[in-house]
Amino acid sequence: MLFGKEHVQRYQQTDGEEGHDWNNTTVLLLTTKGRKTGRPHTTPVIYQRHGDSYVVVASKGGAPDHPDWYKNLQANPEVDVQVRGDKFTARAHTAIDEEKPELWGLMTRVWPDYDNYQTKTDREIPVVVLEPVR
């Protein structure tokens, strides 16, 4: 099973032929700019389409702190995204209260463990909307 750096490399080498379909769900590559270093960091993240946007969850398995990729996009919301062979720039925003219930439901249908992760942490797990800038 692909994970971490190997997942990113295989996904990039095969335009998502390997790595897009993962554990009965779908994965995109999210590249953020490091908030301290300015260097690019690429992370495989489960996603779903919502209209023209892509939705991801900053769960970190229910850890007490947000994942680094989420902290990075908070500092710089312009990100690069790869979905299979399609590469584009997107603007990221955290779902607001009015958006979150629908988007949380969309994501828990494909990865039910998000509900378990939320019970493991005191922080509110963010849902992030990636809007392509074409």
Protein backbone atom coordinates (compact mmCIF):
# COMPACT_ATOMS: atom_id res chain seq x y z
CA MET A 1 0.00 0.00 0.00
CA LEU A 2 1.32 3.45 -0.89
CA PHE A 3 1.97 5.98 1.85
CA GLY A 4 3.84 9.26 2.35
CA LYS A 5 6.78 10.08 0.06
CA GLU A 6 6.45 6.83 -1.90
CA HIS A 7 2.78 7.61 -2.56
CA VAL A 8 3.71 11.07 -3.89
CA GLN A 9 6.50 9.71 -6.12
CA ARG A 10 4.40 6.92 -7.67
CA TYR A 11 1.48 9.30 -8.21
CA GLN A 12 3.72 11.88 -9.93
CA GLN A 13 5.56 9.26 -12.03
CA THR A 14 2.33 7.66 -13.28
CA ASP A 15 0.04 10.75 -13.49
CA GLY A 16 -2.07 9.18 -10.78
CA GLU A 17 -2.43 5.75 -12.41
CA GLU A 18 -0.89 4.55 -9.16
CA GLY A 19 -2.02 6.43 -6.09
CA HIS A 20 -5.21 8.18 -7.20
CA ASP A 21 -7.38 5.21 -6.25
CA TRP A 22 -6.40 4.25 -2.71
CA ASN A 23 -8.18 2.19 -0.02
CA ASN A 24 -11.53 2.41 -1.84
CA THR A 25 -11.36 6.20 -2.09
CA THR A 26 -9.62 8.86 -4.18
CA VAL A 27 -6.48 10.88 -3.49
CA LEU A 28 -5.07 14.10 -4.89
CA LEU A 29 -1.63 15.62 -4.38
CA LEU A 30 -1.65 18.93 -2.50
CA THR A 31 1.46 21.11 -2.68
CA THR A 32 1.72 23.92 -0.16
CA LYS A 33 4.46 26.46 0.37
CA GLY A 34 6.22 25.99 3.72
CA ARG A 35 5.16 28.78 6.09
CA LYS A 36 8.70 28.99 7.53
CA THR A 37 10.92 27.82 4.66
CA GLY A 38 8.93 28.83 1.59
CA ARG A 39 9.80 25.41 0.10
CA PRO A 40 7.11 23.30 -1.58
CA HIS A 41 5.69 20.34 0.35
CA THR A 42 3.52 17.74 -1.40
CA THR A 43 1.04 15.60 0.53
CA PRO A 44 -1.40 12.91 -0.69
CA VAL A 45 -4.87 13.76 0.63
CA ILE A 46 -8.27 12.06 0.26
CA TYR A 47 -10.63 14.26 -1.73
CA GLN A 48 -14.07 14.58 -3.23
CA ARG A 49 -15.39 16.87 -5.94
CA HIS A 50 -17.99 19.46 -4.98
CA GLY A 51 -19.11 21.39 -8.05
CA ASP A 52 -15.95 22.84 -9.61
CA SER A 53 -14.03 22.60 -6.32
CA TYR A 54 -12.21 19.84 -4.47
CA VAL A 55 -12.77 19.11 -0.79
CA VAL A 56 -10.17 17.73 1.63
CA VAL A 57 -10.09 17.23 5.40
CA ALA A 58 -7.26 18.33 7.72
CA SER A 59 -7.74 15.39 10.08
CA LYS A 60 -4.21 14.13 10.83
CA GLY A 61 -5.92 11.02 12.17
CA GLY A 62 -7.46 12.98 15.05
CA ALA A 63 -4.12 14.24 16.39
CA PRO A 64 -4.30 17.21 18.79
CA ASP A 65 -2.67 19.59 16.27
CA HIS A 66 -3.48 20.45 12.66
CA PRO A 67 -1.38 18.83 9.91
CA ASP A 68 1.51 20.93 8.60
CA TRP A 69 -0.07 21.20 5.15
CA TYR A 70 -3.08 22.92 6.71
CA LYS A 71 -0.91 25.37 8.66
CA ASN A 72 0.98 26.09 5.44
CA LEU A 73 -2.15 26.88 3.43
CA GLN A 74 -3.44 29.09 6.23
CA ALA A 75 -0.27 31.16 5.79
CA ASN A 76 -0.44 31.02 1.98
CA PRO A 77 -3.78 29.84 0.51
CA GLU A 78 -2.44 29.53 -3.03
CA VAL A 79 -1.65 25.85 -3.55
CA ASP A 80 -0.84 23.46 -6.38
CA VAL A 81 -3.05 20.44 -6.92
CA GLN A 82 -2.66 17.29 -9.00
CA VAL A 83 -5.66 15.08 -9.71
CA ARG A 84 -4.48 12.16 -11.86
CA GLY A 85 -2.63 13.92 -14.71
CA ASP A 86 -4.42 17.25 -14.23
CA LYS A 87 -2.24 19.85 -12.51
CA PHE A 88 -3.55 23.27 -11.51
CA THR A 89 -3.27 26.11 -9.03
CA ALA A 90 -6.06 26.51 -6.48
CA ARG A 91 -7.03 28.90 -3.74
CA ALA A 92 -7.78 27.15 -0.45
CA HIS A 93 -10.23 28.22 2.21
CA THR A 94 -11.51 26.56 5.36
CA ALA A 95 -15.20 25.74 5.08
CA ILE A 96 -17.32 28.22 7.00
CA ASP A 97 -20.02 27.10 9.44
CA GLU A 98 -22.71 27.23 6.74
CA GLU A 99 -20.69 25.04 4.34
CA LYS A 100 -19.18 22.53 6.73
CA PRO A 101 -22.09 20.15 7.53
CA GLU A 102 -22.72 19.34 3.85
CA LEU A 103 -19.00 18.99 3.06
CA TRP A 104 -18.29 16.94 6.22
CA GLY A 105 -21.09 14.57 5.15
CA LEU A 106 -19.63 14.32 1.65
CA MET A 107 -16.23 13.35 3.08
CA THR A 108 -17.43 10.93 5.77
CA ARG A 109 -19.37 8.98 3.13
CA VAL A 110 -16.04 8.10 1.48
CA TRP A 111 -13.91 7.96 4.65
CA PRO A 112 -16.12 7.22 7.68
CA ASP A 113 -13.09 7.31 10.01
CA TYR A 114 -13.23 11.14 9.91
CA ASP A 115 -16.07 10.89 12.45
CA ASN A 116 -13.85 8.71 14.68
CA TYR A 117 -10.94 11.13 14.29
CA GLN A 118 -13.15 14.03 15.44
CA THR A 119 -14.06 12.16 18.63
CA LYS A 120 -10.34 11.63 19.40
CA THR A 121 -9.43 15.33 19.45
CA ASP A 122 -10.58 18.54 21.12
CA ARG A 123 -9.81 20.61 18.03
CA GLU A 124 -12.43 21.08 15.35
CA ILE A 125 -11.15 19.23 12.30
CA PRO A 126 -11.17 21.65 9.36
CA VAL A 127 -12.74 20.92 6.00
CA VAL A 128 -10.86 22.70 3.21
CA VAL A 129 -12.24 23.77 -0.15
CA LEU A 130 -9.76 24.00 -3.04
CA GLU A 131 -11.07 26.28 -5.77
CA PRO A 132 -9.16 25.98 -9.06
CA VAL A 133 -7.67 29.22 -10.41
CA ARG A 134 -7.76 28.61 -14.15
